[in-house]
């Protein structure tokens, strides 16, 4: 097929314009791929579940008969070992789970306000 000479600049402009719009859209326009959106949604859901479980962790800490022993162990642990101490106390195990959750343990430490007591 013979393309008229006057049509070629329009075709080139459309191709270059489409590429430009794609680059600008993904760079500055906030566009994302389906995989990126799924990853973002998964991370947000995980964070919200952890946030929702913090009161459960704090309640488990409140009703634990060995609360003072566990709190002293957590206070005496270095800052990067406190999470392991909360996990060892069993407060960071979600109901129905077999093992403690590290992110929940970290959020529970912040909720315990260990520096204030």
N, C-alpha and C. Protein backbone atom coordinates (compact mmCIF):
# COMPACT_ATOMS: atom_id res chain seq x y z
N UNK A 1 0.84 -1.17 0.00
CA UNK A 1 0.00 0.00 0.00
C UNK A 1 0.88 1.24 0.00
N UNK A 2 0.56 2.17 -0.84
CA UNK A 2 1.29 3.43 -0.92
C UNK A 2 0.64 4.43 0.02
N UNK A 3 1.46 4.99 0.90
CA UNK A 3 0.97 5.99 1.83
C UNK A 3 1.29 7.37 1.26
N UNK A 4 0.31 8.24 1.23
CA UNK A 4 0.59 9.58 0.71
C UNK A 4 1.62 10.29 1.57
N UNK A 5 2.43 11.12 0.94
CA UNK A 5 3.49 11.85 1.64
C UNK A 5 2.94 12.74 2.74
N UNK A 6 1.79 13.33 2.57
CA UNK A 6 1.24 14.25 3.56
C UNK A 6 0.76 13.51 4.82
N UNK A 7 0.59 12.15 4.74
CA UNK A 7 0.11 11.37 5.88
C UNK A 7 1.24 10.91 6.79
N UNK A 8 2.46 10.80 6.27
CA UNK A 8 3.59 10.29 7.05
C UNK A 8 3.90 11.12 8.30
N UNK A 9 3.92 12.45 8.24
CA UNK A 9 4.18 13.21 9.47
C UNK A 9 3.11 12.97 10.54
N UNK A 10 1.88 12.78 10.12
CA UNK A 10 0.81 12.50 11.08
C UNK A 10 0.99 11.16 11.76
N UNK A 11 1.39 10.16 10.99
CA UNK A 11 1.63 8.82 11.56
C UNK A 11 2.81 8.86 12.52
N UNK A 12 3.90 9.51 12.11
CA UNK A 12 5.07 9.64 13.00
C UNK A 12 4.70 10.40 14.27
N UNK A 13 3.92 11.44 14.14
CA UNK A 13 3.50 12.23 15.30
C UNK A 13 2.64 11.41 16.26
N UNK A 14 1.76 10.59 15.69
CA UNK A 14 0.90 9.75 16.53
C UNK A 14 1.73 8.71 17.28
N UNK A 15 2.70 8.10 16.61
CA UNK A 15 3.54 7.08 17.26
C UNK A 15 4.40 7.72 18.34
N UNK A 16 5.03 8.83 18.04
CA UNK A 16 5.88 9.51 19.02
C UNK A 16 5.02 10.05 20.17
N UNK A 17 3.85 10.58 19.86
CA UNK A 17 2.94 11.08 20.90
C UNK A 17 2.46 9.97 21.82
N UNK A 18 2.15 8.80 21.27
CA UNK A 18 1.72 7.66 22.10
C UNK A 18 2.84 7.22 23.03
N UNK A 19 4.06 7.16 22.51
CA UNK A 19 5.20 6.78 23.35
C UNK A 19 5.42 7.81 24.45
N UNK A 20 5.30 9.08 24.10
CA UNK A 20 5.49 10.16 25.08
C UNK A 20 4.42 10.09 26.18
N UNK A 21 3.18 9.89 25.77
CA UNK A 21 2.09 9.81 26.75
C UNK A 21 2.30 8.61 27.67
N UNK A 22 2.76 7.48 27.13
CA UNK A 22 3.03 6.31 27.96
C UNK A 22 4.13 6.55 28.97
N UNK A 23 5.23 7.17 28.53
CA UNK A 23 6.34 7.46 29.44
C UNK A 23 5.92 8.44 30.52
N UNK A 24 5.25 9.51 30.14
CA UNK A 24 4.81 10.51 31.11
C UNK A 24 3.77 9.92 32.06
N UNK A 25 2.86 9.12 31.55
CA UNK A 25 1.82 8.53 32.38
C UNK A 25 2.38 7.61 33.45
N UNK A 26 3.33 6.75 33.08
CA UNK A 26 3.90 5.83 34.06
C UNK A 26 4.92 6.51 34.97
N UNK A 27 5.55 7.56 34.49
CA UNK A 27 6.56 8.24 35.32
C UNK A 27 5.92 9.22 36.30
N UNK A 28 5.09 10.12 35.78
CA UNK A 28 4.56 11.19 36.62
C UNK A 28 3.04 11.14 36.79
N UNK A 29 2.37 10.38 35.95
CA UNK A 29 0.92 10.39 35.96
C UNK A 29 0.27 9.46 36.97
N UNK A 30 1.06 8.63 37.64
CA UNK A 30 0.50 7.74 38.64
C UNK A 30 -0.04 6.44 38.06
N UNK A 31 0.19 6.18 36.79
CA UNK A 31 -0.25 4.92 36.21
C UNK A 31 0.61 3.81 36.77
N UNK A 32 0.08 2.60 36.82
CA UNK A 32 0.88 1.45 37.23
C UNK A 32 0.35 0.20 36.56
N UNK A 33 1.18 -0.82 36.57
CA UNK A 33 0.78 -2.09 35.97
C UNK A 33 -0.12 -2.85 36.94
N UNK A 34 -0.76 -3.87 36.45
CA UNK A 34 -1.61 -4.69 37.30
C UNK A 34 -0.82 -5.37 38.41
N UNK A 35 0.40 -5.81 38.10
CA UNK A 35 1.24 -6.43 39.12
C UNK A 35 1.62 -5.46 40.22
N UNK A 36 1.92 -4.22 39.84
CA UNK A 36 2.25 -3.20 40.83
C UNK A 36 1.07 -2.87 41.72
N UNK A 37 -0.11 -2.83 41.12
CA UNK A 37 -1.32 -2.55 41.89
C UNK A 37 -1.61 -3.69 42.85
N UNK A 38 -1.43 -4.93 42.40
CA UNK A 38 -1.64 -6.08 43.29
C UNK A 38 -0.67 -6.07 44.45
N UNK A 39 0.57 -5.74 44.17
CA UNK A 39 1.58 -5.70 45.24
C UNK A 39 1.23 -4.61 46.26
N UNK A 40 0.83 -3.44 45.78
CA UNK A 40 0.47 -2.34 46.67
C UNK A 40 -0.75 -2.71 47.51
N UNK A 41 -1.74 -3.34 46.90
CA UNK A 41 -2.95 -3.73 47.62
C UNK A 41 -2.63 -4.79 48.68
N UNK A 42 -1.75 -5.71 48.34
CA UNK A 42 -1.37 -6.76 49.29
C UNK A 42 -0.64 -6.17 50.50
N UNK A 43 0.27 -5.24 50.24
CA UNK A 43 1.00 -4.59 51.34
C UNK A 43 0.05 -3.79 52.23
N UNK A 44 -0.89 -3.08 51.62
CA UNK A 44 -1.85 -2.30 52.40
C UNK A 44 -2.74 -3.20 53.24
N UNK A 45 -3.17 -4.32 52.67
CA UNK A 45 -4.02 -5.26 53.42
C UNK A 45 -3.24 -5.86 54.59
N UNK A 46 -1.99 -6.20 54.36
CA UNK A 46 -1.15 -6.75 55.44
C UNK A 46 -1.00 -5.75 56.57
N UNK A 47 -0.73 -4.51 56.23
CA UNK A 47 -0.56 -3.47 57.25
C UNK A 47 -1.85 -3.26 58.04
N UNK A 48 -2.99 -3.28 57.36
CA UNK A 48 -4.26 -3.07 58.03
C UNK A 48 -4.61 -4.25 58.95
N UNK A 49 -4.27 -5.47 58.54
CA UNK A 49 -4.52 -6.63 59.40
C UNK A 49 -3.67 -6.54 60.66
N UNK A 50 -2.40 -6.16 60.50
CA UNK A 50 -1.53 -6.01 61.66
C UNK A 50 -2.08 -4.94 62.58
N UNK A 51 -2.51 -3.83 62.03
CA UNK A 51 -3.08 -2.75 62.83
C UNK A 51 -4.34 -3.21 63.57
N UNK A 52 -5.15 -4.02 62.91
CA UNK A 52 -6.37 -4.51 63.54
C UNK A 52 -6.08 -5.53 64.64
N UNK A 53 -4.94 -6.21 64.56
CA UNK A 53 -4.62 -7.25 65.54
C UNK A 53 -3.87 -6.71 66.77
N UNK A 54 -3.40 -5.49 66.73
CA UNK A 54 -2.67 -4.93 67.87
C UNK A 54 -3.51 -4.94 69.15
N UNK A 55 -4.79 -4.57 69.11
CA UNK A 55 -5.57 -4.66 70.35
C UNK A 55 -5.66 -6.08 70.91
N UNK A 56 -5.67 -7.08 70.03
CA UNK A 56 -5.69 -8.47 70.49
C UNK A 56 -4.39 -8.78 71.21
N UNK A 57 -3.28 -8.35 70.64
CA UNK A 57 -1.98 -8.56 71.27
C UNK A 57 -1.92 -7.87 72.63
N UNK A 58 -2.37 -6.65 72.68
CA UNK A 58 -2.35 -5.90 73.95
C UNK A 58 -3.27 -6.54 74.99
N UNK A 59 -4.41 -7.09 74.54
CA UNK A 59 -5.31 -7.76 75.47
C UNK A 59 -4.69 -9.06 75.98
N UNK A 60 -4.00 -9.78 75.10
CA UNK A 60 -3.31 -11.00 75.53
C UNK A 60 -2.24 -10.66 76.56
N UNK A 61 -1.56 -9.54 76.37
CA UNK A 61 -0.55 -9.11 77.33
C UNK A 61 -1.20 -8.71 78.65
N UNK A 62 -2.37 -8.08 78.57
CA UNK A 62 -3.05 -7.61 79.77
C UNK A 62 -3.53 -8.77 80.64
N UNK A 63 -4.03 -9.85 80.03
CA UNK A 63 -4.59 -10.95 80.80
C UNK A 63 -3.59 -12.08 81.08
N UNK A 64 -2.37 -11.94 80.62
CA UNK A 64 -1.35 -12.98 80.84
C UNK A 64 -0.99 -13.03 82.32
N UNK A 65 -1.07 -14.22 82.95
CA UNK A 65 -0.72 -14.31 84.37
C UNK A 65 0.77 -14.04 84.62
N UNK A 66 1.60 -14.22 83.62
CA UNK A 66 3.05 -13.96 83.74
C UNK A 66 3.42 -12.61 83.15
N UNK A 67 2.50 -11.69 83.13
CA UNK A 67 2.69 -10.38 82.49
C UNK A 67 3.93 -9.66 82.99
N UNK A 68 4.11 -9.55 84.29
CA UNK A 68 5.23 -8.78 84.82
C UNK A 68 6.57 -9.43 84.45
N UNK A 69 6.61 -10.75 84.47
CA UNK A 69 7.85 -11.45 84.09
C UNK A 69 8.17 -11.18 82.63
N UNK A 70 7.17 -11.30 81.77
CA UNK A 70 7.39 -11.06 80.34
C UNK A 70 7.74 -9.60 80.07
N UNK A 71 7.05 -8.67 80.72
CA UNK A 71 7.36 -7.25 80.51
C UNK A 71 8.77 -6.91 80.95
N UNK A 72 9.21 -7.48 82.07
CA UNK A 72 10.59 -7.24 82.51
C UNK A 72 11.59 -7.80 81.51
N UNK A 73 11.29 -8.99 80.98
CA UNK A 73 12.19 -9.58 79.97
C UNK A 73 12.23 -8.71 78.71
N UNK A 74 11.09 -8.16 78.34
CA UNK A 74 11.04 -7.30 77.14
C UNK A 74 11.81 -6.00 77.39
N UNK A 75 11.61 -5.41 78.56
CA UNK A 75 12.32 -4.16 78.89
C UNK A 75 13.83 -4.37 78.94
N UNK A 76 14.27 -5.51 79.48
CA UNK A 76 15.70 -5.77 79.63
C UNK A 76 16.37 -6.15 78.31
N UNK A 77 15.58 -6.59 77.35
CA UNK A 77 16.15 -6.97 76.06
C UNK A 77 16.59 -5.71 75.31
N UNK A 78 17.62 -5.88 74.50
CA UNK A 78 18.06 -4.75 73.68
C UNK A 78 16.96 -4.43 72.67
N UNK A 79 17.00 -3.25 72.12
CA UNK A 79 15.90 -2.77 71.28
C UNK A 79 15.61 -3.70 70.10
N UNK A 80 16.63 -4.32 69.54
CA UNK A 80 16.38 -5.19 68.40
C UNK A 80 16.02 -6.61 68.80
N UNK A 81 16.06 -6.93 70.08
CA UNK A 81 15.66 -8.25 70.57
C UNK A 81 14.29 -8.22 71.25
N UNK A 82 13.71 -7.05 71.40
CA UNK A 82 12.40 -6.94 72.05
C UNK A 82 11.32 -7.67 71.27
N UNK A 83 11.42 -7.60 69.97
CA UNK A 83 10.42 -8.29 69.13
C UNK A 83 10.45 -9.79 69.40
N UNK A 84 11.65 -10.35 69.52
CA UNK A 84 11.77 -11.78 69.82
C UNK A 84 11.20 -12.10 71.20
N UNK A 85 11.36 -11.19 72.15
CA UNK A 85 10.83 -11.42 73.50
C UNK A 85 9.31 -11.40 73.49
N UNK A 86 8.70 -10.52 72.70
CA UNK A 86 7.24 -10.48 72.60
C UNK A 86 6.75 -11.76 71.92
N UNK A 87 7.47 -12.21 70.92
CA UNK A 87 7.09 -13.44 70.24
C UNK A 87 7.22 -14.64 71.18
N UNK A 88 8.26 -14.65 72.01
CA UNK A 88 8.45 -15.75 72.97
C UNK A 88 7.36 -15.75 74.03
N UNK A 89 6.85 -14.58 74.37
CA UNK A 89 5.77 -14.49 75.36
C UNK A 89 4.46 -15.05 74.80
N UNK A 90 4.36 -15.15 73.49
CA UNK A 90 3.16 -15.69 72.86
C UNK A 90 2.11 -14.64 72.54
N UNK A 91 2.42 -13.40 72.76
CA UNK A 91 1.45 -12.33 72.54
C UNK A 91 1.28 -11.99 71.07
N UNK A 92 2.25 -12.33 70.24
CA UNK A 92 2.21 -11.95 68.82
C UNK A 92 1.70 -13.08 67.93
N UNK A 93 1.11 -14.09 68.53
CA UNK A 93 0.54 -15.18 67.74
C UNK A 93 -0.92 -14.88 67.48
N UNK A 94 -1.27 -14.73 66.21
CA UNK A 94 -2.65 -14.43 65.85
C UNK A 94 -3.53 -15.63 66.16
N UNK A 95 -4.75 -15.38 66.57
CA UNK A 95 -5.66 -16.49 66.84
C UNK A 95 -5.80 -17.39 65.60
N UNK A 96 -5.61 -18.67 65.80
CA UNK A 96 -5.68 -19.62 64.70
C UNK A 96 -4.36 -19.87 64.00
N UNK A 97 -3.33 -19.12 64.36
CA UNK A 97 -2.02 -19.29 63.73
C UNK A 97 -1.15 -20.20 64.59
N UNK A 98 -0.18 -20.84 63.94
CA UNK A 98 0.72 -21.73 64.66
C UNK A 98 1.97 -21.03 65.16
N UNK A 99 2.36 -19.97 64.51
CA UNK A 99 3.59 -19.29 64.88
C UNK A 99 3.34 -17.79 65.04
N UNK A 100 4.19 -17.12 65.81
CA UNK A 100 4.00 -15.67 66.02
C UNK A 100 4.34 -14.88 64.76
N UNK A 101 3.78 -13.69 64.67
CA UNK A 101 3.98 -12.80 63.54
C UNK A 101 4.94 -11.69 63.95
N UNK A 102 6.04 -11.55 63.21
CA UNK A 102 7.08 -10.57 63.55
C UNK A 102 6.56 -9.13 63.47
N UNK A 103 5.78 -8.85 62.45
CA UNK A 103 5.25 -7.49 62.29
C UNK A 103 4.27 -7.15 63.41
N UNK A 104 3.46 -8.13 63.81
CA UNK A 104 2.54 -7.90 64.91
C UNK A 104 3.31 -7.70 66.21
N UNK A 105 4.39 -8.42 66.40
CA UNK A 105 5.21 -8.25 67.61
C UNK A 105 5.77 -6.84 67.67
N UNK A 106 6.24 -6.32 66.54
CA UNK A 106 6.80 -4.97 66.51
C UNK A 106 5.72 -3.94 66.81
N UNK A 107 4.55 -4.11 66.23
CA UNK A 107 3.45 -3.17 66.48
C UNK A 107 2.98 -3.27 67.93
N UNK A 108 3.02 -4.46 68.49
CA UNK A 108 2.61 -4.65 69.88
C UNK A 108 3.58 -3.95 70.83
N UNK A 109 4.86 -3.99 70.51
CA UNK A 109 5.85 -3.30 71.34
C UNK A 109 5.53 -1.80 71.39
N UNK A 110 5.20 -1.25 70.24
CA UNK A 110 4.86 0.17 70.20
C UNK A 110 3.60 0.45 71.00
N UNK A 111 2.65 -0.49 71.00
CA UNK A 111 1.41 -0.32 71.74
C UNK A 111 1.58 -0.52 73.24
N UNK A 112 2.59 -1.28 73.63
CA UNK A 112 2.82 -1.53 75.07
C UNK A 112 3.35 -0.30 75.78
N UNK A 113 3.93 0.64 75.05
CA UNK A 113 4.47 1.87 75.67
C UNK A 113 5.44 1.54 76.79
N UNK A 114 6.45 0.77 76.49
CA UNK A 114 7.39 0.30 77.53
C UNK A 114 8.20 1.43 78.15
N UNK A 115 8.42 2.48 77.41
CA UNK A 115 9.24 3.59 77.94
C UNK A 115 8.46 4.44 78.93
N UNK A 116 7.13 4.45 78.80
CA UNK A 116 6.30 5.30 79.65
C UNK A 116 6.07 4.68 81.03
N UNK A 117 6.20 3.35 81.16
CA UNK A 117 5.91 2.74 82.46
C UNK A 117 7.11 2.51 83.29
